[in-house]
PDB file of N, CA and C in Angstrom:
ATOM      1  N   MET A   1     119.660 -28.268 -47.235  1.00  0.00           N
ATOM      2  CA  MET A   1     119.229 -29.666 -47.268  1.00  0.00           C
ATOM      3  C   MET A   1     120.349 -30.560 -47.802  1.00  0.00           C
ATOM      4  N   LYS A   2     121.084 -30.094 -48.817  1.00  0.00           N
ATOM      5  CA  LYS A   2     122.146 -30.908 -49.396  1.00  0.00           C
ATOM      6  C   LYS A   2     123.242 -31.188 -48.369  1.00  0.00           C
ATOM      7  N   LYS A   3     123.627 -30.152 -47.593  1.00  0.00           N
ATOM      8  CA  LYS A   3     124.647 -30.331 -46.554  1.00  0.00           C
ATOM      9  C   LYS A   3     124.138 -31.291 -45.480  1.00  0.00           C
ATOM     10  N   GLU A   4     122.880 -31.128 -45.083  1.00  0.00           N
ATOM     11  CA  GLU A   4     122.285 -31.995 -44.076  1.00  0.00           C
ATOM     12  C   GLU A   4     122.308 -33.450 -44.530  1.00  0.00           C
ATOM     13  N   LEU A   5     121.931 -33.680 -45.768  1.00  0.00           N
ATOM     14  CA  LEU A   5     121.919 -35.045 -46.295  1.00  0.00           C
ATOM     15  C   LEU A   5     123.337 -35.612 -46.365  1.00  0.00           C
ATOM     16  N   SER A   6     124.300 -34.789 -46.739  1.00  0.00           N
ATOM     17  CA  SER A   6     125.695 -35.249 -46.798  1.00  0.00           C
ATOM     18  C   SER A   6     126.196 -35.665 -45.416  1.00  0.00           C
ATOM     19  N   ILE A   7     125.905 -34.844 -44.423  1.00  0.00           N
ATOM     20  CA  ILE A   7     126.311 -35.172 -43.049  1.00  0.00           C
ATOM     21  C   ILE A   7     125.611 -36.443 -42.587  1.00  0.00           C
ATOM     22  N   TYR A   8     124.310 -36.550 -42.900  1.00  0.00           N
ATOM     23  CA  TYR A   8     123.546 -37.735 -42.525  1.00  0.00           C
ATOM     24  C   TYR A   8     124.174 -38.993 -43.133  1.00  0.00           C
ATOM     25  N   ILE A   9     124.575 -38.896 -44.368  1.00  0.00           N
ATOM     26  CA  ILE A   9     125.176 -40.049 -45.057  1.00  0.00           C
ATOM     27  C   ILE A   9     126.507 -40.431 -44.406  1.00  0.00           C
ATOM     28  N   ILE A  10     127.334 -39.448 -44.064  1.00  0.00           N
ATOM     29  CA  ILE A  10     128.622 -39.742 -43.423  1.00  0.00           C
ATOM     30  C   ILE A  10     128.411 -40.425 -42.071  1.00  0.00           C
ATOM     31  N   ILE A  11     127.499 -39.889 -41.269  1.00  0.00           N
ATOM     32  CA  ILE A  11     127.197 -40.507 -39.978  1.00  0.00           C
ATOM     33  C   ILE A  11     126.592 -41.892 -40.203  1.00  0.00           C
ATOM     34  N   GLY A  12     125.762 -41.998 -41.221  1.00  0.00           N
ATOM     35  CA  GLY A  12     125.167 -43.291 -41.555  1.00  0.00           C
ATOM     36  C   GLY A  12     126.205 -44.332 -41.918  1.00  0.00           C
ATOM     37  N   ILE A  13     127.238 -43.924 -42.619  1.00  0.00           N
ATOM     38  CA  ILE A  13     128.322 -44.850 -42.970  1.00  0.00           C
ATOM     39  C   ILE A  13     128.990 -45.367 -41.696  1.00  0.00           C
ATOM     40  N   GLY A  14     129.215 -44.474 -40.746  1.00  0.00           N
ATOM     41  CA  GLY A  14     129.770 -44.902 -39.461  1.00  0.00           C
ATOM     42  C   GLY A  14     128.861 -45.879 -38.750  1.00  0.00           C
ATOM     43  N   SER A  15     127.563 -45.601 -38.767  1.00  0.00           N
ATOM     44  CA  SER A  15     126.585 -46.506 -38.142  1.00  0.00           C
ATOM     45  C   SER A  15     126.573 -47.863 -38.829  1.00  0.00           C
ATOM     46  N   VAL A  16     126.654 -47.843 -40.155  1.00  0.00           N
ATOM     47  CA  VAL A  16     126.645 -49.098 -40.920  1.00  0.00           C
ATOM     48  C   VAL A  16     127.908 -49.912 -40.643  1.00  0.00           C
ATOM     49  N   ILE A  17     129.029 -49.243 -40.519  1.00  0.00           N
ATOM     50  CA  ILE A  17     130.278 -49.963 -40.212  1.00  0.00           C
ATOM     51  C   ILE A  17     130.167 -50.650 -38.848  1.00  0.00           C
ATOM     52  N   ILE A  18     129.640 -49.932 -37.872  1.00  0.00           N
ATOM     53  CA  ILE A  18     129.425 -50.535 -36.552  1.00  0.00           C
ATOM     54  C   ILE A  18     128.461 -51.711 -36.669  1.00  0.00           C
ATOM     55  N   ASP A  19     127.339 -51.497 -37.337  1.00  0.00           N
ATOM     56  CA  ASP A  19     126.321 -52.538 -37.538  1.00  0.00           C
ATOM     57  C   ASP A  19     126.949 -53.769 -38.202  1.00  0.00           C
ATOM     58  N   TYR A  20     127.664 -53.545 -39.291  1.00  0.00           N
ATOM     59  CA  TYR A  20     128.255 -54.645 -40.055  1.00  0.00           C
ATOM     60  C   TYR A  20     129.265 -55.445 -39.230  1.00  0.00           C
ATOM     61  N   CYS A  21     130.172 -54.749 -38.567  1.00  0.00           N
ATOM     62  CA  CYS A  21     131.217 -55.439 -37.796  1.00  0.00           C
ATOM     63  C   CYS A  21     130.616 -56.281 -36.671  1.00  0.00           C
ATOM     64  N   VAL A  22     129.689 -55.697 -35.942  1.00  0.00           N
ATOM     65  CA  VAL A  22     129.052 -56.427 -34.848  1.00  0.00           C
ATOM     66  C   VAL A  22     128.260 -57.620 -35.401  1.00  0.00           C
ATOM     67  N   TYR A  23     127.532 -57.401 -36.496  1.00  0.00           N
ATOM     68  CA  TYR A  23     126.739 -58.461 -37.137  1.00  0.00           C
ATOM     69  C   TYR A  23     127.618 -59.642 -37.557  1.00  0.00           C
ATOM     70  N   MET A  24     128.718 -59.339 -38.240  1.00  0.00           N
ATOM     71  CA  MET A  24     129.575 -60.420 -38.731  1.00  0.00           C
ATOM     72  C   MET A  24     130.204 -61.216 -37.594  1.00  0.00           C
ATOM     73  N   VAL A  25     130.586 -60.545 -36.526  1.00  0.00           N
ATOM     74  CA  VAL A  25     131.173 -61.258 -35.386  1.00  0.00           C
ATOM     75  C   VAL A  25     130.101 -62.080 -34.671  1.00  0.00           C
ATOM     76  N   LEU A  26     129.000 -61.434 -34.312  1.00  0.00           N
ATOM     77  CA  LEU A  26     127.968 -62.135 -33.543  1.00  0.00           C
ATOM     78  C   LEU A  26     127.311 -63.276 -34.318  1.00  0.00           C
ATOM     79  N   SER A  27     127.180 -63.126 -35.634  1.00  0.00           N
ATOM     80  CA  SER A  27     126.513 -64.166 -36.423  1.00  0.00           C
ATOM     81  C   SER A  27     127.293 -65.482 -36.441  1.00  0.00           C
ATOM     82  N   GLN A  28     128.531 -65.430 -35.979  1.00  0.00           N
ATOM     83  CA  GLN A  28     129.323 -66.656 -35.849  1.00  0.00           C
ATOM     84  C   GLN A  28     128.964 -67.428 -34.573  1.00  0.00           C
ATOM     85  N   PHE A  29     128.287 -66.751 -33.634  1.00  0.00           N
ATOM     86  CA  PHE A  29     128.046 -67.341 -32.322  1.00  0.00           C
ATOM     87  C   PHE A  29     126.570 -67.467 -31.934  1.00  0.00           C
ATOM     88  N   VAL A  30     125.721 -66.621 -32.517  1.00  0.00           N
ATOM     89  CA  VAL A  30     124.301 -66.628 -32.168  1.00  0.00           C
ATOM     90  C   VAL A  30     123.473 -66.670 -33.438  1.00  0.00           C
ATOM     91  N   PRO A  31     122.186 -67.053 -33.343  1.00  0.00           N
ATOM     92  CA  PRO A  31     121.339 -67.046 -34.535  1.00  0.00           C
ATOM     93  C   PRO A  31     121.340 -65.669 -35.211  1.00  0.00           C
ATOM     94  N   VAL A  32     121.239 -65.677 -36.528  1.00  0.00           N
ATOM     95  CA  VAL A  32     121.381 -64.461 -37.317  1.00  0.00           C
ATOM     96  C   VAL A  32     120.360 -63.381 -36.927  1.00  0.00           C
ATOM     97  N   VAL A  33     119.177 -63.755 -36.528  1.00  0.00           N
ATOM     98  CA  VAL A  33     118.166 -62.766 -36.123  1.00  0.00           C
ATOM     99  C   VAL A  33     118.645 -61.997 -34.892  1.00  0.00           C
ATOM    100  N   TYR A  34     119.240 -62.685 -33.927  1.00  0.00           N
ATOM    101  CA  TYR A  34     119.759 -62.018 -32.737  1.00  0.00           C
ATOM    102  C   TYR A  34     120.977 -61.150 -33.087  1.00  0.00           C
ATOM    103  N   ALA A  35     121.853 -61.692 -33.919  1.00  0.00           N
ATOM    104  CA  ALA A  35     123.045 -60.941 -34.323  1.00  0.00           C
ATOM    105  C   ALA A  35     122.646 -59.648 -35.028  1.00  0.00           C
ATOM    106  N   LYS A  36     121.662 -59.740 -35.922  1.00  0.00           N
ATOM    107  CA  LYS A  36     121.229 -58.562 -36.679  1.00  0.00           C
ATOM    108  C   LYS A  36     120.550 -57.554 -35.773  1.00  0.00           C
ATOM    109  N   THR A  37     119.766 -58.025 -34.838  1.00  0.00           N
ATOM    110  CA  THR A  37     119.072 -57.122 -33.916  1.00  0.00           C
ATOM    111  C   THR A  37     120.075 -56.356 -33.053  1.00  0.00           C
ATOM    112  N   ILE A  38     121.014 -57.070 -32.480  1.00  0.00           N
ATOM    113  CA  ILE A  38     122.018 -56.432 -31.609  1.00  0.00           C
ATOM    114  C   ILE A  38     122.901 -55.472 -32.410  1.00  0.00           C
ATOM    115  N   SER A  39     123.335 -55.895 -33.581  1.00  0.00           N
ATOM    116  CA  SER A  39     124.215 -55.034 -34.381  1.00  0.00           C
ATOM    117  C   SER A  39     123.484 -53.769 -34.819  1.00  0.00           C
ATOM    118  N   TYR A  40     122.230 -53.916 -35.160  1.00  0.00           N
ATOM    119  CA  TYR A  40     121.425 -52.770 -35.574  1.00  0.00           C
ATOM    120  C   TYR A  40     121.285 -51.767 -34.426  1.00  0.00           C
ATOM    121  N   ILE A  41     121.035 -52.266 -33.245  1.00  0.00           N
ATOM    122  CA  ILE A  41     120.883 -51.397 -32.074  1.00  0.00           C
ATOM    123  C   ILE A  41     122.192 -50.649 -31.776  1.00  0.00           C
ATOM    124  N   MET A  42     123.319 -51.303 -31.948  1.00  0.00           N
ATOM    125  CA  MET A  42     124.611 -50.642 -31.729  1.00  0.00           C
ATOM    126  C   MET A  42     124.804 -49.481 -32.710  1.00  0.00           C
ATOM    127  N   GLY A  43     124.528 -49.726 -33.973  1.00  0.00           N
ATOM    128  CA  GLY A  43     124.629 -48.670 -34.979  1.00  0.00           C
ATOM    129  C   GLY A  43     123.619 -47.560 -34.728  1.00  0.00           C
ATOM    130  N   MET A  44     122.443 -47.939 -34.265  1.00  0.00           N
ATOM    131  CA  MET A  44     121.373 -46.989 -33.970  1.00  0.00           C
ATOM    132  C   MET A  44     121.803 -46.010 -32.878  1.00  0.00           C
ATOM    133  N   CYS A  45     122.415 -46.500 -31.836  1.00  0.00           N
ATOM    134  CA  CYS A  45     122.850 -45.630 -30.734  1.00  0.00           C
ATOM    135  C   CYS A  45     123.867 -44.597 -31.226  1.00  0.00           C
ATOM    136  N   PHE A  46     124.804 -45.042 -32.012  1.00  0.00           N
ATOM    137  CA  PHE A  46     125.789 -44.124 -32.590  1.00  0.00           C
ATOM    138  C   PHE A  46     125.085 -43.070 -33.441  1.00  0.00           C
ATOM    139  N   GLY A  47     124.183 -43.507 -34.305  1.00  0.00           N
ATOM    140  CA  GLY A  47     123.463 -42.597 -35.188  1.00  0.00           C
ATOM    141  C   GLY A  47     122.614 -41.584 -34.447  1.00  0.00           C
ATOM    142  N   PHE A  48     121.979 -42.010 -33.370  1.00  0.00           N
ATOM    143  CA  PHE A  48     121.117 -41.099 -32.610  1.00  0.00           C
ATOM    144  C   PHE A  48     121.902 -39.912 -32.088  1.00  0.00           C
ATOM    145  N   PHE A  49     122.962 -40.182 -31.369  1.00  0.00           N
ATOM    146  CA  PHE A  49     123.713 -39.091 -30.743  1.00  0.00           C
ATOM    147  C   PHE A  49     124.395 -38.193 -31.777  1.00  0.00           C
ATOM    148  N   CYS A  50     124.931 -38.785 -32.826  1.00  0.00           N
ATOM    149  CA  CYS A  50     125.604 -37.980 -33.852  1.00  0.00           C
ATOM    150  C   CYS A  50     124.601 -37.155 -34.665  1.00  0.00           C
ATOM    151  N   ASN A  51     123.518 -37.777 -35.116  1.00  0.00           N
ATOM    152  CA  ASN A  51     122.536 -37.041 -35.916  1.00  0.00           C
ATOM    153  C   ASN A  51     121.835 -35.965 -35.100  1.00  0.00           C
ATOM    154  N   ARG A  52     121.558 -36.250 -33.860  1.00  0.00           N
ATOM    155  CA  ARG A  52     120.900 -35.268 -32.991  1.00  0.00           C
ATOM    156  C   ARG A  52     121.770 -34.025 -32.841  1.00  0.00           C
ATOM    157  N   ALA A  53     123.058 -34.234 -32.603  1.00  0.00           N
ATOM    158  CA  ALA A  53     123.966 -33.111 -32.339  1.00  0.00           C
ATOM    159  C   ALA A  53     124.483 -32.442 -33.611  1.00  0.00           C
ATOM    160  N   ILE A  54     124.771 -33.236 -34.633  1.00  0.00           N
ATOM    161  CA  ILE A  54     125.473 -32.699 -35.797  1.00  0.00           C
ATOM    162  C   ILE A  54     124.534 -32.458 -36.990  1.00  0.00           C
ATOM    163  N   THR A  55     123.802 -33.470 -37.398  1.00  0.00           N
ATOM    164  CA  THR A  55     122.988 -33.358 -38.605  1.00  0.00           C
ATOM    165  C   THR A  55     121.804 -32.430 -38.424  1.00  0.00           C
ATOM    166  N   PHE A  56     121.002 -32.683 -37.398  1.00  0.00           N
ATOM    167  CA  PHE A  56     119.756 -31.940 -37.228  1.00  0.00           C
ATOM    168  C   PHE A  56     119.846 -30.849 -36.165  1.00  0.00           C
ATOM    169  N   LYS A  57     120.961 -30.793 -35.420  1.00  0.00           N
ATOM    170  CA  LYS A  57     121.200 -29.758 -34.405  1.00  0.00           C
ATOM    171  C   LYS A  57     119.955 -29.495 -33.550  1.00  0.00           C
ATOM    172  N   SER A  58     119.472 -30.536 -32.947  1.00  0.00           N
ATOM    173  CA  SER A  58     118.222 -30.459 -32.197  1.00  0.00           C
ATOM    174  C   SER A  58     118.366 -29.672 -30.897  1.00  0.00           C
ATOM    175  N   ASN A  59     117.366 -28.841 -30.634  1.00  0.00           N
ATOM    176  CA  ASN A  59     117.269 -28.114 -29.367  1.00  0.00           C
ATOM    177  C   ASN A  59     116.197 -28.726 -28.474  1.00  0.00           C
ATOM    178  N   ASN A  60     115.575 -29.793 -28.940  1.00  0.00           N
ATOM    179  CA  ASN A  60     114.549 -30.473 -28.149  1.00  0.00           C
ATOM    180  C   ASN A  60     115.196 -31.161 -26.952  1.00  0.00           C
ATOM    181  N   SER A  61     114.363 -31.540 -26.008  1.00  0.00           N
ATOM    182  CA  SER A  61     114.889 -32.299 -24.875  1.00  0.00           C
ATOM    183  C   SER A  61     115.383 -33.654 -25.374  1.00  0.00           C
ATOM    184  N   LEU A  62     116.359 -34.180 -24.674  1.00  0.00           N
ATOM    185  CA  LEU A  62     116.899 -35.494 -25.030  1.00  0.00           C
ATOM    186  C   LEU A  62     115.785 -36.542 -25.003  1.00  0.00           C
ATOM    187  N   ALA A  63     114.912 -36.462 -24.008  1.00  0.00           N
ATOM    188  CA  ALA A  63     113.829 -37.441 -23.877  1.00  0.00           C
ATOM    189  C   ALA A  63     112.876 -37.375 -25.072  1.00  0.00           C
ATOM    190  N   LYS A  64     112.501 -36.176 -25.477  1.00  0.00           N
ATOM    191  CA  LYS A  64     111.579 -36.019 -26.613  1.00  0.00           C
ATOM    192  C   LYS A  64     112.198 -36.593 -27.880  1.00  0.00           C
ATOM    193  N   ASP A  65     113.442 -36.217 -28.146  1.00  0.00           N
ATOM    194  CA  ASP A  65     114.119 -36.744 -29.331  1.00  0.00           C
ATOM    195  C   ASP A  65     114.279 -38.253 -29.258  1.00  0.00           C
ATOM    196  N   ALA A  66     114.627 -38.760 -28.087  1.00  0.00           N
ATOM    197  CA  ALA A  66     114.848 -40.199 -27.932  1.00  0.00           C
ATOM    198  C   ALA A  66     113.565 -40.985 -28.189  1.00  0.00           C
ATOM    199  N   ILE A  67     112.436 -40.474 -27.710  1.00  0.00           N
ATOM    200  CA  ILE A  67     111.164 -41.180 -27.916  1.00  0.00           C
ATOM    201  C   ILE A  67     110.815 -41.239 -29.401  1.00  0.00           C
ATOM    202  N   GLY A  68     110.910 -40.107 -30.085  1.00  0.00           N
ATOM    203  CA  GLY A  68     110.624 -40.090 -31.522  1.00  0.00           C
ATOM    204  C   GLY A  68     111.595 -40.952 -32.298  1.00  0.00           C
ATOM    205  N   PHE A  69     112.865 -40.857 -31.948  1.00  0.00           N
ATOM    206  CA  PHE A  69     113.900 -41.636 -32.609  1.00  0.00           C
ATOM    207  C   PHE A  69     113.660 -43.128 -32.417  1.00  0.00           C
ATOM    208  N   LEU A  70     113.353 -43.522 -31.182  1.00  0.00           N
ATOM    209  CA  LEU A  70     113.096 -44.940 -30.910  1.00  0.00           C
ATOM    210  C   LEU A  70     111.873 -45.450 -31.664  1.00  0.00           C
ATOM    211  N   PHE A  71     110.873 -44.608 -31.810  1.00  0.00           N
ATOM    212  CA  PHE A  71     109.689 -45.000 -32.585  1.00  0.00           C
ATOM    213  C   PHE A  71     110.080 -45.279 -34.041  1.00  0.00           C
ATOM    214  N   VAL A  72     110.787 -44.331 -34.653  1.00  0.00           N
ATOM    215  CA  VAL A  72     111.215 -44.493 -36.053  1.00  0.00           C
ATOM    216  C   VAL A  72     112.132 -45.702 -36.191  1.00  0.00           C
ATOM    217  N   TYR A  73     113.083 -45.827 -35.292  1.00  0.00           N
ATOM    218  CA  TYR A  73     114.053 -46.916 -35.400  1.00  0.00           C
ATOM    219  C   TYR A  73     113.457 -48.283 -35.054  1.00  0.00           C
ATOM    220  N   THR A  74     112.425 -48.310 -34.253  1.00  0.00           N
ATOM    221  CA  THR A  74     111.758 -49.585 -33.979  1.00  0.00           C
ATOM    222  C   THR A  74     111.098 -50.102 -35.249  1.00  0.00           C
ATOM    223  N   ILE A  75     110.420 -49.219 -35.947  1.00  0.00           N
ATOM    224  CA  ILE A  75     109.817 -49.605 -37.234  1.00  0.00           C
ATOM    225  C   ILE A  75     110.916 -50.046 -38.196  1.00  0.00           C
ATOM    226  N   SER A  76     111.974 -49.264 -38.255  1.00  0.00           N
ATOM    227  CA  SER A  76     113.076 -49.576 -39.152  1.00  0.00           C
ATOM    228  C   SER A  76     113.776 -50.880 -38.763  1.00  0.00           C
ATOM    229  N   LEU A  77     113.915 -51.127 -37.467  1.00  0.00           N
ATOM    230  CA  LEU A  77     114.530 -52.374 -37.007  1.00  0.00           C
ATOM    231  C   LEU A  77     113.746 -53.585 -37.502  1.00  0.00           C
ATOM    232  N   PHE A  78     112.435 -53.540 -37.333  1.00  0.00           N
ATOM    233  CA  PHE A  78     111.616 -54.665 -37.800  1.00  0.00           C
ATOM    234  C   PHE A  78     111.743 -54.840 -39.310  1.00  0.00           C
ATOM    235  N   LEU A  79     111.714 -53.751 -40.051  1.00  0.00           N
ATOM    236  CA  LEU A  79     111.895 -53.847 -41.503  1.00  0.00           C
ATOM    237  C   LEU A  79     113.270 -54.409 -41.842  1.00  0.00           C
ATOM    238  N   ASN A  80     114.293 -53.947 -41.137  1.00  0.00           N
ATOM    239  CA  ASN A  80     115.655 -54.389 -41.388  1.00  0.00           C
ATOM    240  C   ASN A  80     115.809 -55.890 -41.149  1.00  0.00           C
ATOM    241  N   VAL A  81     115.335 -56.358 -40.013  1.00  0.00           N
ATOM    242  CA  VAL A  81     115.469 -57.780 -39.677  1.00  0.00           C
ATOM    243  C   VAL A  81     114.647 -58.650 -40.634  1.00  0.00           C
ATOM    244  N   ILE A  82     113.443 -58.199 -40.969  1.00  0.00           N
ATOM    245  CA  ILE A  82     112.591 -58.955 -41.902  1.00  0.00           C
ATOM    246  C   ILE A  82     113.234 -59.014 -43.282  1.00  0.00           C
ATOM    247  N   VAL A  83     113.681 -57.871 -43.786  1.00  0.00           N
ATOM    248  CA  VAL A  83     114.313 -57.844 -45.115  1.00  0.00           C
ATOM    249  C   VAL A  83     115.577 -58.697 -45.115  1.00  0.00           C
ATOM    250  N   ASN A  84     116.383 -58.603 -44.057  1.00  0.00           N
ATOM    251  CA  ASN A  84     117.593 -59.419 -43.957  1.00  0.00           C
ATOM    252  C   ASN A  84     117.238 -60.911 -43.982  1.00  0.00           C
ATOM    253  N   SER A  85     116.246 -61.296 -43.207  1.00  0.00           N
ATOM    254  CA  SER A  85     115.855 -62.714 -43.125  1.00  0.00           C
ATOM    255  C   SER A  85     115.275 -63.225 -44.441  1.00  0.00           C
ATOM    256  N   VAL A  86     114.413 -62.441 -45.065  1.00  0.00           N
ATOM    257  CA  VAL A  86     113.808 -62.854 -46.341  1.00  0.00           C
ATOM    258  C   VAL A  86     114.877 -62.957 -47.423  1.00  0.00           C
ATOM    259  N   THR A  87     115.803 -62.007 -47.428  1.00  0.00           N
ATOM    260  CA  THR A  87     116.879 -62.047 -48.421  1.00  0.00           C
ATOM    261  C   THR A  87     117.735 -63.305 -48.233  1.00  0.00           C
ATOM    262  N   LEU A  88     117.971 -63.700 -46.981  1.00  0.00           N
ATOM    263  CA  LEU A  88     118.748 -64.925 -46.744  1.00  0.00           C
ATOM    264  C   LEU A  88     117.981 -66.178 -47.173  1.00  0.00           C
ATOM    265  N   ILE A  89     116.662 -66.120 -47.154  1.00  0.00           N
ATOM    266  CA  ILE A  89     115.868 -67.247 -47.663  1.00  0.00           C
ATOM    267  C   ILE A  89     116.035 -67.332 -49.183  1.00  0.00           C
ATOM    268  N   ILE A  90     116.011 -66.173 -49.837  1.00  0.00           N
ATOM    269  CA  ILE A  90     116.140 -66.133 -51.295  1.00  0.00           C
ATOM    270  C   ILE A  90     117.568 -66.428 -51.736  1.00  0.00           C
ATOM    271  N   PHE A  91     118.537 -65.870 -51.006  1.00  0.00           N
ATOM    272  CA  PHE A  91     119.950 -66.043 -51.322  1.00  0.00           C
ATOM    273  C   PHE A  91     120.677 -66.635 -50.110  1.00  0.00           C
ATOM    274  N   PRO A  92     120.512 -67.943 -49.864  1.00  0.00           N
ATOM    275  CA  PRO A  92     121.151 -68.558 -48.694  1.00  0.00           C
ATOM    276  C   PRO A  92     122.670 -68.333 -48.713  1.00  0.00           C
ATOM    277  N   GLU A  93     123.214 -68.132 -47.539  1.00  0.00           N
ATOM    278  CA  GLU A  93     124.659 -67.954 -47.356  1.00  0.00           C
ATOM    279  C   GLU A  93     125.188 -66.643 -47.935  1.00  0.00           C
ATOM    280  N   GLN A  94     124.319 -65.721 -48.277  1.00  0.00           N
ATOM    281  CA  GLN A  94     124.753 -64.424 -48.822  1.00  0.00           C
ATOM    282  C   GLN A  94     124.516 -63.319 -47.794  1.00  0.00           C
ATOM    283  N   LYS A  95     125.225 -63.404 -46.679  1.00  0.00           N
ATOM    284  CA  LYS A  95     125.021 -62.453 -45.586  1.00  0.00           C
ATOM    285  C   LYS A  95     125.290 -61.013 -46.014  1.00  0.00           C
ATOM    286  N   ILE A  96     126.287 -60.816 -46.830  1.00  0.00           N
ATOM    287  CA  ILE A  96     126.625 -59.449 -47.232  1.00  0.00           C
ATOM    288  C   ILE A  96     125.515 -58.851 -48.088  1.00  0.00           C
ATOM    289  N   ILE A  97     124.977 -59.619 -49.023  1.00  0.00           N
ATOM    290  CA  ILE A  97     123.867 -59.128 -49.853  1.00  0.00           C
ATOM    291  C   ILE A  97     122.656 -58.830 -48.977  1.00  0.00           C
ATOM    292  N   ALA A  98     122.336 -59.732 -48.077  1.00  0.00           N
ATOM    293  CA  ALA A  98     121.198 -59.523 -47.181  1.00  0.00           C
ATOM    294  C   ALA A  98     121.403 -58.279 -46.330  1.00  0.00           C
ATOM    295  N   PHE A  99     122.592 -58.119 -45.808  1.00  0.00           N
ATOM    296  CA  PHE A  99     122.926 -56.961 -44.987  1.00  0.00           C
ATOM    297  C   PHE A  99     122.748 -55.666 -45.774  1.00  0.00           C
ATOM    298  N   LEU A 100     123.272 -55.622 -46.986  1.00  0.00           N
ATOM    299  CA  LEU A 100     123.203 -54.407 -47.804  1.00  0.00           C
ATOM    300  C   LEU A 100     121.776 -54.043 -48.189  1.00  0.00           C
ATOM    301  N   ILE A 101     121.000 -55.013 -48.590  1.00  0.00           N
ATOM    302  CA  ILE A 101     119.607 -54.737 -48.956  1.00  0.00           C
ATOM    303  C   ILE A 101     118.823 -54.244 -47.742  1.00  0.00           C
ATOM    304  N   ALA A 102     118.997 -54.905 -46.606  1.00  0.00           N
ATOM    305  CA  ALA A 102     118.316 -54.483 -45.381  1.00  0.00           C
ATOM    306  C   ALA A 102     118.762 -53.084 -44.966  1.00  0.00           C
ATOM    307  N   THR A 103     120.021 -52.776 -45.167  1.00  0.00           N
ATOM    308  CA  THR A 103     120.552 -51.461 -44.809  1.00  0.00           C
ATOM    309  C   THR A 103     119.951 -50.360 -45.675  1.00  0.00           C
ATOM    310  N   VAL A 104     119.811 -50.594 -46.954  1.00  0.00           N
ATOM    311  CA  VAL A 104     119.208 -49.596 -47.846  1.00  0.00           C
ATOM    312  C   VAL A 104     117.777 -49.281 -47.404  1.00  0.00           C
ATOM    313  N   VAL A 105     117.017 -50.301 -47.081  1.00  0.00           N
ATOM    314  CA  VAL A 105     115.649 -50.094 -46.600  1.00  0.00           C
ATOM    315  C   VAL A 105     115.655 -49.258 -45.322  1.00  0.00           C
ATOM    316  N   SER A 106     116.563 -49.553 -44.423  1.00  0.00           N
ATOM    317  CA  SER A 106     116.653 -48.816 -43.160  1.00  0.00           C
ATOM    318  C   SER A 106     117.081 -47.365 -43.352  1.00  0.00           C
ATOM    319  N   VAL A 107     118.036 -47.138 -44.215  1.00  0.00           N
ATOM    320  CA  VAL A 107     118.526 -45.773 -44.438  1.00  0.00           C
ATOM    321  C   VAL A 107     117.394 -44.876 -44.920  1.00  0.00           C
ATOM    322  N   ILE A 108     116.635 -45.351 -45.869  1.00  0.00           N
ATOM    323  CA  ILE A 108     115.518 -44.561 -46.404  1.00  0.00           C
ATOM    324  C   ILE A 108     114.473 -44.316 -45.314  1.00  0.00           C
ATOM    325  N   THR A 109     114.092 -45.362 -44.610  1.00  0.00           N
ATOM    326  CA  THR A 109     113.097 -45.246 -43.539  1.00  0.00           C
ATOM    327  C   THR A 109     113.580 -44.291 -42.443  1.00  0.00           C
ATOM    328  N   ASN A 110     114.820 -44.426 -42.034  1.00  0.00           N
ATOM    329  CA  ASN A 110     115.365 -43.604 -40.946  1.00  0.00           C
ATOM    330  C   ASN A 110     115.487 -42.140 -41.314  1.00  0.00           C
ATOM    331  N   TYR A 111     116.001 -41.856 -42.499  1.00  0.00           N
ATOM    332  CA  TYR A 111     116.157 -40.459 -42.884  1.00  0.00           C
ATOM    333  C   TYR A 111     114.799 -39.766 -42.965  1.00  0.00           C
ATOM    334  N   LEU A 112     113.867 -40.376 -43.638  1.00  0.00           N
ATOM    335  CA  LEU A 112     112.543 -39.760 -43.762  1.00  0.00           C
ATOM    336  C   LEU A 112     111.872 -39.605 -42.400  1.00  0.00           C
ATOM    337  N   GLY A 113     112.003 -40.612 -41.549  1.00  0.00           N
ATOM    338  CA  GLY A 113     111.414 -40.547 -40.215  1.00  0.00           C
ATOM    339  C   GLY A 113     112.038 -39.463 -39.355  1.00  0.00           C
ATOM    340  N   GLN A 114     113.354 -39.326 -39.429  1.00  0.00           N
ATOM    341  CA  GLN A 114     114.027 -38.294 -38.640  1.00  0.00           C
ATOM    342  C   GLN A 114     113.734 -36.898 -39.188  1.00  0.00           C
ATOM    343  N   LYS A 115     113.786 -36.770 -40.490  1.00  0.00           N
ATOM    344  CA  LYS A 115     113.585 -35.462 -41.128  1.00  0.00           C
ATOM    345  C   LYS A 115     112.177 -34.924 -40.899  1.00  0.00           C
ATOM    346  N   PHE A 116     111.177 -35.782 -41.051  1.00  0.00           N
ATOM    347  CA  PHE A 116     109.792 -35.307 -41.025  1.00  0.00           C
ATOM    348  C   PHE A 116     109.025 -35.633 -39.747  1.00  0.00           C
ATOM    349  N   PHE A 117     109.634 -36.407 -38.852  1.00  0.00           N
ATOM    350  CA  PHE A 117     108.932 -36.766 -37.621  1.00  0.00           C
ATOM    351  C   PHE A 117     109.714 -36.366 -36.374  1.00  0.00           C
ATOM    352  N   VAL A 118     110.921 -36.855 -36.247  1.00  0.00           N
ATOM    353  CA  VAL A 118     111.688 -36.644 -35.019  1.00  0.00           C
ATOM    354  C   VAL A 118     112.199 -35.208 -34.907  1.00  0.00           C
ATOM    355  N   TYR A 119     112.857 -34.715 -35.939  1.00  0.00           N
ATOM    356  CA  TYR A 119     113.511 -33.409 -35.877  1.00  0.00           C
ATOM    357  C   TYR A 119     112.826 -32.358 -36.752  1.00  0.00           C
ATOM    358  N   LYS A 120     111.572 -32.541 -37.057  1.00  0.00           N
ATOM    359  CA  LYS A 120     110.881 -31.576 -37.916  1.00  0.00           C
ATOM    360  C   LYS A 120     110.937 -30.190 -37.301  1.00  0.00           C
ATOM    361  N   LYS A 121     111.058 -29.206 -38.173  1.00  0.00           N
ATOM    362  CA  LYS A 121     111.189 -27.820 -37.683  1.00  0.00           C
ATOM    363  C   LYS A 121     109.956 -27.029 -37.985  1.00  0.00           C
TER     364      LYS A 121
END
């Protein structure tokens, strides 16, 4: 479990970097809700393929894993966007703080959802 969590965290860092970079660029051109949604989806795609192959070493069909993953990440996406938006209401102009708080909520939701729902053994 410790090795699995370590790998998950490393892949998660890569996903967060993708999410953050896309978010910061897009938020200059589109409303923050759209920027956050698109950036989150980009990081999500990276995380799905890496976690499926490396972290959880799934033998399930791609379709089965994708459906479960999308279910977990859809819930997490809504939580992420809501937390990001509420944090910006509380701390206007603090995109980095909002991003980090929303990311922590997503990481916890995603790991638990993948561990106990998507890739359960």
